[in-house]
Every structure is written in C-alpha cells, then in structure tokens.
C-alpha cells in the first residue's frame, strides 16, 4: 500500500486507521509511506515487538513542515532495492523534507540522508 505525501494529515487520533494499518501489515501487507507533514503523523504506523526486549520501538521523526528542504546530493543508497533501479549513482539529487530519528530495529533502510556534505 502506498501512502502519499501528507496522506496521514488529520488522522493522528484515528484509532480505526491505526488498527486497519496494523491488521494490513500483520496479514502480510507492505506499507510504503512517503513523507508526512508532522513527526507525530508517524504514530499511525504499526511497529513490531522486539524479540530481544518485548517492547515496541516507535517510528519518530520530523515532517516536511518541521525540517529544512535539501536537494543537491541529498540522499545515498544504503540498501539496494529494485524500486531504486532508476538511480545511476549511489547518491541522488531528490527533494528531502523530514527524517526519522527512531525506527524499529528490524527496519530496512533504503535511502539515508546526507547531512552537511557527509553521509549520516
């Protein structure tokens, strides 16, 4: 399921949407979620329980209204995936607004942000 940029707008308190997304993922669905307006919008995402600690590590970060946009050499490929096959180099010039500050331990990170000219 693709959730577009800003697709969670106005849904931060929706327990129904949160439960539907959780059921979708538990039944084998994959979510691809583009940037959201505010960091709290990520609270709707289902997160797995850690096998080591038994706790859930939430997705946290900053949305496009809370971060400064960057464009030139803004990201690099951390883990290759076929949906990144259009990139001809390991770094890309794409608009990046927002970033994650916390995510589940078993997450697969495809792109990472370049900060201050260095890989982050």
C-alpha atoms as a PDB file:
ATOM      1  CA  UNK A   1       0.000   0.000   0.000  1.00  0.00           C
ATOM      2  CA  UNK A   2       1.356   3.397  -0.937  1.00  0.00           C
ATOM      3  CA  UNK A   3       0.538   6.250   1.442  1.00  0.00           C
ATOM      4  CA  UNK A   4       1.278   9.506  -0.399  1.00  0.00           C
ATOM      5  CA  UNK A   5       2.986  12.606   0.930  1.00  0.00           C
ATOM      6  CA  UNK A   6       0.744  14.059   3.625  1.00  0.00           C
ATOM      7  CA  UNK A   7      -1.615  11.073   3.419  1.00  0.00           C
ATOM      8  CA  UNK A   8      -1.924  10.851   7.206  1.00  0.00           C
ATOM      9  CA  UNK A   9      -2.962  14.514   7.516  1.00  0.00           C
ATOM     10  CA  UNK A  10      -5.786  14.911  10.044  1.00  0.00           C
ATOM     11  CA  UNK A  11      -5.678  11.245  11.122  1.00  0.00           C
ATOM     12  CA  UNK A  12      -3.298  11.441  14.104  1.00  0.00           C
ATOM     13  CA  UNK A  13      -6.029  10.455  16.595  1.00  0.00           C
ATOM     14  CA  UNK A  14      -7.730   7.813  14.452  1.00  0.00           C
ATOM     15  CA  UNK A  15      -7.615   4.518  16.295  1.00  0.00           C
ATOM     16  CA  UNK A  16      -9.542   2.964  13.368  1.00  0.00           C
ATOM     17  CA  UNK A  17      -6.878   3.841  10.785  1.00  0.00           C
ATOM     18  CA  UNK A  18      -4.125   2.709  13.161  1.00  0.00           C
ATOM     19  CA  UNK A  19      -5.884  -0.654  13.700  1.00  0.00           C
ATOM     20  CA  UNK A  20      -6.519  -1.123   9.955  1.00  0.00           C
ATOM     21  CA  UNK A  21      -2.863  -0.465   9.111  1.00  0.00           C
ATOM     22  CA  UNK A  22      -1.759  -2.845  11.861  1.00  0.00           C
ATOM     23  CA  UNK A  23      -4.070  -5.614  10.540  1.00  0.00           C
ATOM     24  CA  UNK A  24      -2.895  -4.984   6.969  1.00  0.00           C
ATOM     25  CA  UNK A  25       0.762  -5.446   7.937  1.00  0.00           C
ATOM     26  CA  UNK A  26       0.064  -8.433  10.226  1.00  0.00           C
ATOM     27  CA  UNK A  27      -1.655 -10.144   7.276  1.00  0.00           C
ATOM     28  CA  UNK A  28       1.439  -9.760   5.085  1.00  0.00           C
ATOM     29  CA  UNK A  29       0.861  -6.309   3.594  1.00  0.00           C
ATOM     30  CA  UNK A  30       3.687  -3.897   2.918  1.00  0.00           C
ATOM     31  CA  UNK A  31       3.405  -0.186   3.577  1.00  0.00           C
ATOM     32  CA  UNK A  32       5.383   2.376   1.598  1.00  0.00           C
ATOM     33  CA  UNK A  33       4.793   5.705   3.304  1.00  0.00           C
ATOM     34  CA  UNK A  34       6.097   8.944   1.852  1.00  0.00           C
ATOM     35  CA  UNK A  35       6.891  11.987   3.954  1.00  0.00           C
ATOM     36  CA  UNK A  36       4.261  13.392   6.252  1.00  0.00           C
ATOM     37  CA  UNK A  37       3.536  16.921   7.430  1.00  0.00           C
ATOM     38  CA  UNK A  38       4.455  16.429  11.112  1.00  0.00           C
ATOM     39  CA  UNK A  39       6.515  13.931  13.068  1.00  0.00           C
ATOM     40  CA  UNK A  40       3.507  12.837  15.109  1.00  0.00           C
ATOM     41  CA  UNK A  41       1.874  11.538  11.910  1.00  0.00           C
ATOM     42  CA  UNK A  42       4.248   8.566  12.075  1.00  0.00           C
ATOM     43  CA  UNK A  43       2.413   7.383  15.221  1.00  0.00           C
ATOM     44  CA  UNK A  44      -0.157   5.712  12.945  1.00  0.00           C
ATOM     45  CA  UNK A  45       2.402   3.206  11.685  1.00  0.00           C
ATOM     46  CA  UNK A  46       2.329  -0.314  13.070  1.00  0.00           C
ATOM     47  CA  UNK A  47       5.591  -1.343  14.702  1.00  0.00           C
ATOM     48  CA  UNK A  48       6.763  -4.847  15.574  1.00  0.00           C
ATOM     49  CA  UNK A  49       7.545  -6.098  19.044  1.00  0.00           C
ATOM     50  CA  UNK A  50      11.277  -6.586  19.563  1.00  0.00           C
ATOM     51  CA  UNK A  51      12.218 -10.227  20.085  1.00  0.00           C
ATOM     52  CA  UNK A  52      15.006  -9.193  22.484  1.00  0.00           C
ATOM     53  CA  UNK A  53      13.177  -6.704  24.693  1.00  0.00           C
ATOM     54  CA  UNK A  54       9.483  -7.397  24.081  1.00  0.00           C
ATOM     55  CA  UNK A  55       8.972  -3.661  23.535  1.00  0.00           C
ATOM     56  CA  UNK A  56       7.759  -1.695  20.536  1.00  0.00           C
ATOM     57  CA  UNK A  57      10.133   0.943  19.180  1.00  0.00           C
ATOM     58  CA  UNK A  58       8.014   3.623  17.544  1.00  0.00           C
ATOM     59  CA  UNK A  59       8.770   5.474  14.348  1.00  0.00           C
ATOM     60  CA  UNK A  60       9.642   9.049  15.268  1.00  0.00           C
ATOM     61  CA  UNK A  61      11.000  11.931  13.276  1.00  0.00           C
ATOM     62  CA  UNK A  62      10.315  15.255  11.649  1.00  0.00           C
ATOM     63  CA  UNK A  63       7.809  16.043   8.940  1.00  0.00           C
ATOM     64  CA  UNK A  64       8.113  18.339   5.959  1.00  0.00           C
ATOM     65  CA  UNK A  65       6.731  21.272   7.950  1.00  0.00           C
ATOM     66  CA  UNK A  66       9.400  20.769  10.616  1.00  0.00           C
ATOM     67  CA  UNK A  67      12.573  20.329   8.561  1.00  0.00           C
ATOM     68  CA  UNK A  68      14.521  22.376   6.045  1.00  0.00           C
ATOM     69  CA  UNK A  69      14.366  21.057   2.495  1.00  0.00           C
ATOM     70  CA  UNK A  70      17.549  19.904   0.815  1.00  0.00           C
ATOM     71  CA  UNK A  71      18.028  18.857  -2.796  1.00  0.00           C
ATOM     72  CA  UNK A  72      21.623  18.523  -4.081  1.00  0.00           C
ATOM     73  CA  UNK A  73      23.234  15.161  -3.224  1.00  0.00           C
ATOM     74  CA  UNK A  74      20.593  14.825  -0.529  1.00  0.00           C
ATOM     75  CA  UNK A  75      20.481  11.018  -0.158  1.00  0.00           C
ATOM     76  CA  UNK A  76      22.560   7.927  -0.763  1.00  0.00           C
ATOM     77  CA  UNK A  77      21.529   4.322  -1.301  1.00  0.00           C
ATOM     78  CA  UNK A  78      22.053   2.328   1.877  1.00  0.00           C
ATOM     79  CA  UNK A  79      20.363  -0.915   0.779  1.00  0.00           C
ATOM     80  CA  UNK A  80      19.628  -1.681  -2.844  1.00  0.00           C
ATOM     81  CA  UNK A  81      16.025  -2.413  -3.829  1.00  0.00           C
ATOM     82  CA  UNK A  82      14.566  -2.773  -7.363  1.00  0.00           C
ATOM     83  CA  UNK A  83      12.476   0.369  -6.898  1.00  0.00           C
ATOM     84  CA  UNK A  84      15.760   2.291  -6.773  1.00  0.00           C
ATOM     85  CA  UNK A  85      16.911   0.959 -10.156  1.00  0.00           C
ATOM     86  CA  UNK A  86      16.424   4.346 -11.825  1.00  0.00           C
ATOM     87  CA  UNK A  87      19.392   5.756  -9.880  1.00  0.00           C
ATOM     88  CA  UNK A  88      22.643   5.641 -11.845  1.00  0.00           C
ATOM     89  CA  UNK A  89      24.849   6.654  -8.890  1.00  0.00           C
ATOM     90  CA  UNK A  90      24.878   5.887  -5.175  1.00  0.00           C
ATOM     91  CA  UNK A  91      23.867   9.458  -4.323  1.00  0.00           C
ATOM     92  CA  UNK A  92      20.837  11.270  -5.662  1.00  0.00           C
ATOM     93  CA  UNK A  93      19.523  14.792  -6.034  1.00  0.00           C
ATOM     94  CA  UNK A  94      15.993  14.469  -4.718  1.00  0.00           C
ATOM     95  CA  UNK A  95      13.890  16.738  -2.543  1.00  0.00           C
ATOM     96  CA  UNK A  96      14.098  15.609   1.070  1.00  0.00           C
ATOM     97  CA  UNK A  97      11.820  17.095   3.696  1.00  0.00           C
ATOM     98  CA  UNK A  98      11.857  15.440   7.083  1.00  0.00           C
ATOM     99  CA  UNK A  99      13.725  12.480   8.519  1.00  0.00           C
ATOM    100  CA  UNK A 100      13.425   9.656  11.037  1.00  0.00           C
ATOM    101  CA  UNK A 101      15.063   9.910  14.432  1.00  0.00           C
ATOM    102  CA  UNK A 102      13.867   6.487  15.619  1.00  0.00           C
ATOM    103  CA  UNK A 103      12.569   3.357  13.904  1.00  0.00           C
ATOM    104  CA  UNK A 104      12.188  -0.368  14.698  1.00  0.00           C
ATOM    105  CA  UNK A 105      15.436  -2.340  14.924  1.00  0.00           C
ATOM    106  CA  UNK A 106      14.472  -4.714  12.113  1.00  0.00           C
ATOM    107  CA  UNK A 107      13.756  -1.889   9.639  1.00  0.00           C
ATOM    108  CA  UNK A 108      15.339  -1.979   6.201  1.00  0.00           C
ATOM    109  CA  UNK A 109      16.711   1.440   5.334  1.00  0.00           C
ATOM    110  CA  UNK A 110      16.840   2.014   1.571  1.00  0.00           C
ATOM    111  CA  UNK A 111      17.941   5.660   1.453  1.00  0.00           C
ATOM    112  CA  UNK A 112      19.832   7.671   4.008  1.00  0.00           C
ATOM    113  CA  UNK A 113      20.127  11.413   4.191  1.00  0.00           C
ATOM    114  CA  UNK A 114      23.383  13.206   3.512  1.00  0.00           C
ATOM    115  CA  UNK A 115      23.867  15.866   6.196  1.00  0.00           C
ATOM    116  CA  UNK A 116      26.345  18.731   5.916  1.00  0.00           C
ATOM    117  CA  UNK A 117      28.058  17.076   2.957  1.00  0.00           C
ATOM    118  CA  UNK A 118      28.779  13.864   4.851  1.00  0.00           C
ATOM    119  CA  UNK A 119      26.982  10.536   4.982  1.00  0.00           C
ATOM    120  CA  UNK A 120      24.702  10.103   8.003  1.00  0.00           C
END
